[in-house]
Amino acid sequence: RFLLLLTVGFHLFGFAQEQKSPTFSSIDVNYFSGNIALHNDDILHLITGHPEGVIVSWNKKTFG
């Protein structure tokens, strides 16, 4: 009798774990611009202006 209750209990516990957790997703877009600090004269020819760009990220929160 105890073995039957234990088996049924574990079976129900296994079904409880299959529920999907709520999720939340978001998209984040950030624009950036800046300056490059002069730190070496050997790479001065590579610096042509101020860097600028966009960072796009996707965030997904999981609960649990």
Protein backbone atom coordinates (compact mmCIF):
# COMPACT_ATOMS: atom_id res chain seq x y z
CA ARG A 1 0.00 0.00 0.00
CA PHE A 2 2.84 2.39 0.88
CA LEU A 3 4.64 1.54 -2.36
CA LEU A 4 1.50 2.33 -4.37
CA LEU A 5 1.10 5.74 -2.70
CA LEU A 6 4.78 6.48 -3.21
CA THR A 7 4.59 5.57 -6.90
CA VAL A 8 1.47 7.69 -7.47
CA GLY A 9 3.07 10.59 -5.57
CA PHE A 10 6.19 10.56 -7.76
CA HIS A 11 4.04 10.26 -10.88
CA LEU A 12 2.02 13.36 -9.94
CA PHE A 13 5.21 15.21 -9.00
CA GLY A 14 6.60 14.50 -12.48
CA PHE A 15 3.51 16.00 -14.12
CA ALA A 16 3.81 19.11 -11.96
CA GLN A 17 7.28 19.78 -13.37
CA GLU A 18 6.06 19.83 -16.98
CA GLN A 19 4.13 23.09 -16.66
CA LYS A 20 5.62 25.90 -18.70
CA SER A 21 7.00 28.83 -16.75
CA PRO A 22 5.85 32.32 -17.74
CA THR A 23 8.35 34.17 -19.91
CA PHE A 24 8.80 37.81 -20.79
CA SER A 25 10.72 39.02 -23.85
CA SER A 26 11.82 42.50 -24.82
CA ILE A 27 13.94 44.14 -27.50
CA ASP A 28 16.35 46.90 -26.53
CA VAL A 29 17.90 49.34 -29.04
CA ASN A 30 20.69 51.71 -27.95
CA TYR A 31 22.52 54.32 -30.01
CA PHE A 32 26.06 55.23 -29.00
CA SER A 33 28.70 57.74 -30.07
CA GLY A 34 31.99 58.72 -28.54
CA ASN A 35 35.63 59.62 -28.83
CA ILE A 36 38.76 57.54 -29.23
CA ALA A 37 41.52 58.60 -26.85
CA LEU A 38 44.92 59.07 -28.45
CA HIS A 39 47.16 56.50 -26.82
CA ASN A 40 49.67 55.53 -29.50
CA ASP A 41 51.04 57.54 -32.45
CA ASP A 42 51.51 54.34 -34.49
CA ILE A 43 47.74 53.88 -34.96
CA LEU A 44 46.89 57.53 -35.57
CA HIS A 45 46.12 56.76 -39.23
CA LEU A 46 43.34 54.36 -38.13
CA ILE A 47 41.43 57.03 -36.21
CA THR A 48 39.31 58.85 -38.79
CA GLY A 49 36.46 60.25 -36.70
CA HIS A 50 34.11 59.64 -33.84
CA PRO A 51 32.78 56.09 -33.48
CA GLU A 52 29.02 55.66 -33.51
CA GLY A 53 26.69 52.73 -33.83
CA VAL A 54 23.63 50.88 -32.64
CA ILE A 55 23.39 47.97 -30.20
CA VAL A 56 20.30 45.76 -30.60
CA SER A 57 19.64 43.17 -27.91
CA TRP A 58 16.91 40.65 -27.18
CA ASN A 59 16.18 39.88 -23.53
CA LYS A 60 14.21 36.89 -22.29
CA LYS A 61 13.30 36.56 -18.62
CA THR A 62 12.51 33.17 -17.19
CA PHE A 63 10.88 32.73 -13.84
CA GLY A 64 12.03 29.70 -11.93
